[in-house]
Amino acid sequence: MSSARADRVRSGIPELDKMLNGGYMRGDSVLLAGSAGTGKSTMGLQYLIQGAKDGEAGIYLTFEEMPDQLYRDAKNFGWDMKKLEEDGKLRVICTSPDVLMEPGGLEAILEDPIKRLGARRIVVDSLSHFNMFMKPDSLRLQVYRNVMFFKTKGLSSMLIWEASQSPGMSFTISEEGISFLADCIVVLKLIEIESALRRGVVVMKMRGSPHDRRLREYEIASGGIKVAGSFENYEGLMGGTPTKASSERFAELFRKSTEK
C-alpha cells in the first residue's frame, strides 16, 4: 500500500471518496450532519462495512437502535453485520449517553472492545442524544473528550449529528457549536425541486486536504448509498431556495420559443 493510500480511509462509497480526494484522512473525526431521512445511519454502517473489507475492525456505538434492528436494516442492503461480529470485524454497542457522561464512562464502555477487536474505526449514532442530558457548553466539552479519546486510540471516527431541517429550508450544521471540533464535515440535505424531494451531499470542510466542494446528488439504493452527479442546472440549493441557473432558464425559454 502506498503512503498516500495509507493516509486515507475509504468511506464505502467510491464517488464520495473521489469527492474526498481519496477518502477520509486517517485518524480524523468526521461530523456527518443531516436531517431525518437523509441516510446518516446507512452511511455510518457503510463506512464500517468498508472497514471490515479493508481489514479495519470497527465499532458502532448507538444510543437509539437495538442490535437486532440494526442487523435487520443492514440485511436490506446485503450486509451481514451479525456474521461480521462473529468474525471479530465489528462490534455493536447499544448504551445510553448518560453512561458515557459518567467519570471514566467512555473508557469503561470502549476500552475492552477496542483492544479485543484491534478497532480502527468507530461510528457514534448520534451526538444529538447528548442534548437530552446537558447544556451546550457541557456538550462541547463531552464531544471534545470523545474526539480526543478516539484519536489517542488511533480510531478514525464518524460522529452523526441530527440537524433539523424542513424540506426546502436551510439548516445550521450544529446549533451547539461543535462543528469546529471535527476535522471533516459532510452534510446530507433534503432538497425540494419541482415538488419532488431529492437528496444532496456536500463536503463542507476537510482539514489538510483539497476536496470537491460541489453539492452532489445521491440515492439510497439496494446496495447502500450511491453518489451521482452535481446539480449543474440549479442554484441556491444550500439556502433552501433552488432555482434554475441562468443558462438553463435561457435554454428553456429558447426551446419554448422554437416550439411555437
Protein backbone atom coordinates (compact mmCIF):
# COMPACT_ATOMS: atom_id res chain seq x y z
CA MET A 1 0.00 0.00 0.00
CA SER A 2 1.40 3.42 -0.97
CA SER A 3 1.97 6.08 1.71
CA ALA A 4 -0.73 8.27 0.12
CA ARG A 5 -3.21 5.39 0.20
CA ALA A 6 -2.24 4.54 3.79
CA ASP A 7 -3.19 8.05 4.89
CA ARG A 8 -6.76 7.60 3.59
CA VAL A 9 -9.77 5.74 4.93
CA ARG A 10 -12.31 4.61 2.35
CA SER A 11 -15.93 5.54 3.01
CA GLY A 12 -17.50 2.59 1.21
CA ILE A 13 -18.92 5.00 -1.39
CA PRO A 14 -16.50 5.29 -4.35
CA GLU A 15 -17.84 8.61 -5.64
CA LEU A 16 -17.72 10.13 -2.15
CA ASP A 17 -14.09 9.00 -1.87
CA LYS A 18 -13.39 10.91 -5.08
CA MET A 19 -15.00 14.00 -3.52
CA LEU A 20 -12.70 13.48 -0.52
CA ASN A 21 -9.62 13.24 -2.75
CA GLY A 22 -9.19 9.55 -1.97
CA GLY A 23 -11.11 9.11 1.28
CA TYR A 24 -11.16 10.49 4.80
CA MET A 25 -7.82 11.31 6.40
CA ARG A 26 -6.75 8.51 8.74
CA GLY A 27 -7.41 9.25 12.40
CA ASP A 28 -9.69 12.21 11.65
CA SER A 29 -13.03 12.88 13.28
CA VAL A 30 -15.82 13.23 10.71
CA LEU A 31 -19.05 15.05 11.56
CA LEU A 32 -21.87 13.63 9.44
CA ALA A 33 -24.81 16.02 9.66
CA GLY A 34 -28.28 15.70 8.19
CA SER A 35 -31.98 15.71 8.97
CA ALA A 36 -34.21 12.67 9.42
CA GLY A 37 -34.49 10.52 6.31
CA THR A 38 -31.19 11.52 4.74
CA GLY A 39 -29.49 8.16 5.39
CA LYS A 40 -26.97 9.12 8.08
CA SER A 41 -27.08 5.75 9.83
CA THR A 42 -26.84 3.96 6.48
CA MET A 43 -23.72 5.95 5.60
CA GLY A 44 -22.27 5.14 9.02
CA LEU A 45 -22.88 1.41 8.55
CA GLN A 46 -21.45 1.54 5.03
CA TYR A 47 -18.31 3.13 6.45
CA LEU A 48 -17.86 0.24 8.90
CA ILE A 49 -18.66 -2.42 6.29
CA GLN A 50 -15.91 -0.98 4.09
CA GLY A 51 -13.58 -1.00 7.08
CA ALA A 52 -14.22 -4.72 7.60
CA LYS A 53 -13.36 -5.33 3.93
CA ASP A 54 -10.15 -3.32 4.32
CA GLY A 55 -9.05 -5.17 7.45
CA GLU A 56 -10.03 -2.34 9.78
CA ALA A 57 -12.36 -3.57 12.51
CA GLY A 58 -14.98 -1.10 13.69
CA ILE A 59 -17.41 -0.25 16.46
CA TYR A 60 -20.96 1.01 16.02
CA LEU A 61 -21.89 2.92 19.18
CA THR A 62 -25.62 3.64 19.16
CA PHE A 63 -27.98 5.34 21.58
CA GLU A 64 -31.21 4.64 19.73
CA GLU A 65 -31.30 1.29 17.92
CA MET A 66 -31.12 -2.21 19.36
CA PRO A 67 -28.70 -4.67 17.69
CA ASP A 68 -31.48 -6.82 16.19
CA GLN A 69 -32.94 -3.76 14.47
CA LEU A 70 -29.54 -2.83 13.06
CA TYR A 71 -28.98 -6.39 11.81
CA ARG A 72 -32.35 -6.30 10.06
CA ASP A 73 -31.77 -2.88 8.47
CA ALA A 74 -28.27 -3.88 7.33
CA LYS A 75 -29.62 -7.10 5.76
CA ASN A 76 -31.78 -4.94 3.49
CA PHE A 77 -28.56 -3.61 1.95
CA GLY A 78 -26.91 -7.03 1.76
CA TRP A 79 -24.68 -6.53 4.82
CA ASP A 80 -24.42 -9.39 7.32
CA MET A 81 -23.41 -7.48 10.46
CA LYS A 82 -24.03 -10.45 12.72
CA LYS A 83 -21.50 -12.52 10.75
CA LEU A 84 -19.00 -9.67 10.90
CA GLU A 85 -19.41 -9.59 14.69
CA GLU A 86 -18.87 -13.33 14.89
CA ASP A 87 -15.71 -12.93 12.80
CA GLY A 88 -14.38 -10.21 15.11
CA LYS A 89 -14.56 -7.49 12.47
CA LEU A 90 -17.33 -5.43 14.03
CA ARG A 91 -18.97 -4.74 17.38
CA VAL A 92 -22.36 -3.12 18.00
CA ILE A 93 -22.65 -1.40 21.38
CA CYS A 94 -26.05 -0.11 22.46
CA THR A 95 -25.98 2.15 25.52
CA SER A 96 -27.24 5.48 26.88
CA PRO A 97 -25.45 8.84 26.63
CA ASP A 98 -25.61 9.35 30.39
CA VAL A 99 -23.40 6.27 30.86
CA LEU A 100 -20.67 7.88 28.76
CA MET A 101 -21.05 11.13 30.69
CA GLU A 102 -20.03 9.50 33.96
CA PRO A 103 -16.36 9.84 35.02
CA GLY A 104 -14.46 7.14 33.16
CA GLY A 105 -17.65 6.08 31.38
CA LEU A 106 -16.22 6.30 27.89
CA GLU A 107 -13.21 4.19 28.84
CA ALA A 108 -15.35 1.63 30.69
CA ILE A 109 -17.58 1.10 27.65
CA LEU A 110 -14.97 1.15 24.88
CA GLU A 111 -11.53 0.16 26.19
CA ASP A 112 -12.12 -3.60 26.10
CA PRO A 113 -13.89 -3.76 22.70
CA ILE A 114 -11.22 -1.58 21.11
CA LYS A 115 -8.49 -3.83 22.44
CA ARG A 116 -10.20 -7.13 21.61
CA LEU A 117 -11.08 -6.10 18.05
CA GLY A 118 -7.97 -4.08 17.35
CA ALA A 119 -10.54 -1.49 16.23
CA ARG A 120 -9.55 1.22 13.76
CA ARG A 121 -12.95 2.83 13.10
CA ILE A 122 -15.91 3.96 15.19
CA VAL A 123 -19.33 5.43 14.41
CA VAL A 124 -21.32 7.29 17.09
CA ASP A 125 -25.06 7.42 16.38
CA SER A 126 -25.75 10.06 17.40
CA LEU A 127 -24.23 13.00 19.25
CA SER A 128 -27.64 14.68 19.28
CA HIS A 129 -28.77 12.38 22.10
CA PHE A 130 -26.42 14.17 24.49
CA ASN A 131 -28.75 17.18 24.16
CA MET A 132 -31.24 15.45 26.44
CA PHE A 133 -28.74 15.40 29.29
CA MET A 134 -26.60 18.54 29.07
CA LYS A 135 -26.38 22.19 28.10
CA PRO A 136 -24.44 23.38 25.02
CA ASP A 137 -21.23 24.24 26.92
CA SER A 138 -21.18 20.81 28.57
CA LEU A 139 -22.00 19.17 25.23
CA ARG A 140 -18.99 20.77 23.57
CA LEU A 141 -16.75 19.52 26.38
CA GLN A 142 -18.18 16.00 26.15
CA VAL A 143 -17.70 15.88 22.38
CA TYR A 144 -14.15 17.17 22.78
CA ARG A 145 -13.42 14.39 25.27
CA ASN A 146 -14.89 11.82 22.91
CA VAL A 147 -12.89 13.07 19.91
CA MET A 148 -9.62 13.17 21.85
CA PHE A 149 -10.23 9.69 23.28
CA PHE A 150 -10.80 8.30 19.78
CA LYS A 151 -7.65 9.99 18.50
CA THR A 152 -5.49 8.63 21.33
CA LYS A 153 -6.76 5.13 20.48
CA GLY A 154 -5.92 5.57 16.80
CA LEU A 155 -9.56 5.46 15.72
CA SER A 156 -10.95 7.13 12.63
CA SER A 157 -14.32 8.34 13.90
CA MET A 158 -17.63 9.27 12.32
CA LEU A 159 -19.90 11.32 14.58
CA ILE A 160 -23.51 11.53 13.44
CA TRP A 161 -25.45 14.72 14.12
CA GLU A 162 -29.21 15.18 13.67
CA ALA A 163 -29.64 18.59 12.03
CA SER A 164 -33.20 19.88 11.99
CA GLN A 165 -34.46 20.84 8.54
CA SER A 166 -37.82 21.27 6.89
CA PRO A 167 -37.96 20.37 3.20
CA GLY A 168 -36.89 23.36 1.16
CA MET A 169 -35.36 25.10 4.18
CA SER A 170 -31.73 25.63 5.12
CA PHE A 171 -30.29 24.40 8.40
CA THR A 172 -27.29 25.06 10.60
CA ILE A 173 -24.72 22.27 10.73
CA SER A 174 -24.52 22.34 14.50
CA GLU A 175 -26.58 24.67 16.63
CA GLU A 176 -24.44 23.84 19.68
CA GLY A 177 -21.19 24.97 18.04
CA ILE A 178 -19.43 21.59 17.92
CA SER A 179 -18.57 21.71 14.22
CA PHE A 180 -15.16 23.28 14.92
CA LEU A 181 -14.18 20.08 16.79
CA ALA A 182 -14.44 17.98 13.64
CA ASP A 183 -11.65 17.55 11.11
CA CYS A 184 -14.12 16.89 8.32
CA ILE A 185 -17.79 17.82 7.90
CA VAL A 186 -20.09 16.02 5.47
CA VAL A 187 -23.65 17.33 5.12
CA LEU A 188 -26.62 15.34 3.83
CA LYS A 189 -29.52 17.53 2.75
CA LEU A 190 -33.07 17.11 1.51
CA ILE A 191 -33.79 19.34 -1.48
CA GLU A 192 -37.21 20.12 -2.94
CA ILE A 193 -37.04 20.60 -6.70
CA GLU A 194 -40.19 20.89 -8.78
CA SER A 195 -42.35 19.43 -5.98
CA ALA A 196 -40.13 16.37 -5.51
CA LEU A 197 -37.68 15.63 -2.71
CA ARG A 198 -34.13 14.80 -3.75
CA ARG A 199 -31.01 14.24 -1.66
CA GLY A 200 -27.72 16.09 -1.83
CA VAL A 201 -24.32 15.58 -0.19
CA VAL A 202 -21.54 18.14 0.19
CA VAL A 203 -18.14 18.11 1.92
CA MET A 204 -18.24 21.36 3.87
CA LYS A 205 -14.82 21.09 5.47
CA MET A 206 -11.75 18.88 5.33
CA ARG A 207 -8.61 19.82 7.18
CA GLY A 208 -5.30 19.16 5.46
CA SER A 209 -6.70 18.06 2.12
CA PRO A 210 -8.28 19.53 -1.02
CA HIS A 211 -11.79 18.25 -1.70
CA ASP A 212 -14.73 18.59 -4.06
CA ARG A 213 -16.92 21.46 -2.82
CA ARG A 214 -19.86 20.82 -5.13
CA LEU A 215 -23.25 19.63 -3.93
CA ARG A 216 -23.76 16.17 -5.41
CA GLU A 217 -26.98 14.18 -5.68
CA TYR A 218 -27.17 10.75 -4.05
CA GLU A 219 -29.67 7.95 -3.64
CA ILE A 220 -30.22 5.20 -1.11
CA ALA A 221 -30.28 2.04 -3.21
CA SER A 222 -30.33 -1.71 -2.54
CA GLY A 223 -26.56 -1.82 -2.05
CA GLY A 224 -26.36 1.31 0.11
CA ILE A 225 -25.72 4.95 -0.71
CA LYS A 226 -24.64 5.85 -4.23
CA VAL A 227 -23.44 9.35 -5.15
CA ALA A 228 -24.25 10.68 -8.63
CA GLY A 229 -23.56 13.96 -10.42
CA SER A 230 -23.87 17.55 -9.28
CA PHE A 231 -26.99 19.72 -9.57
CA GLU A 232 -25.49 21.61 -12.51
CA ASN A 233 -28.69 23.24 -13.70
CA TYR A 234 -29.74 24.70 -10.35
CA GLU A 235 -28.51 27.34 -7.94
CA GLY A 236 -29.49 28.38 -4.40
CA LEU A 237 -29.73 24.75 -3.26
CA MET A 238 -27.92 25.13 0.06
CA GLY A 239 -30.02 28.14 1.00
CA GLY A 240 -33.24 26.20 0.52
CA THR A 241 -34.48 28.18 -2.50
CA PRO A 242 -33.41 26.22 -5.59
CA THR A 243 -33.88 27.94 -8.93
CA LYS A 244 -32.75 27.01 -12.40
CA ALA A 245 -29.40 28.52 -13.35
CA SER A 246 -29.48 31.47 -15.74
CA SER A 247 -28.09 29.45 -18.64
CA GLU A 248 -30.69 26.72 -18.09
CA ARG A 249 -33.53 29.28 -17.91
CA PHE A 250 -32.31 30.83 -21.16
CA ALA A 251 -32.15 27.41 -22.82
CA GLU A 252 -35.67 26.61 -21.65
CA LEU A 253 -37.06 29.91 -22.97
CA PHE A 254 -35.30 29.28 -26.27
CA ARG A 255 -36.81 25.80 -26.55
CA LYS A 256 -40.27 27.17 -25.84
CA SER A 257 -39.88 29.91 -28.45
CA THR A 258 -38.86 27.42 -31.14
CA GLU A 259 -41.84 25.22 -30.34
CA LYS A 260 -44.33 27.98 -31.16
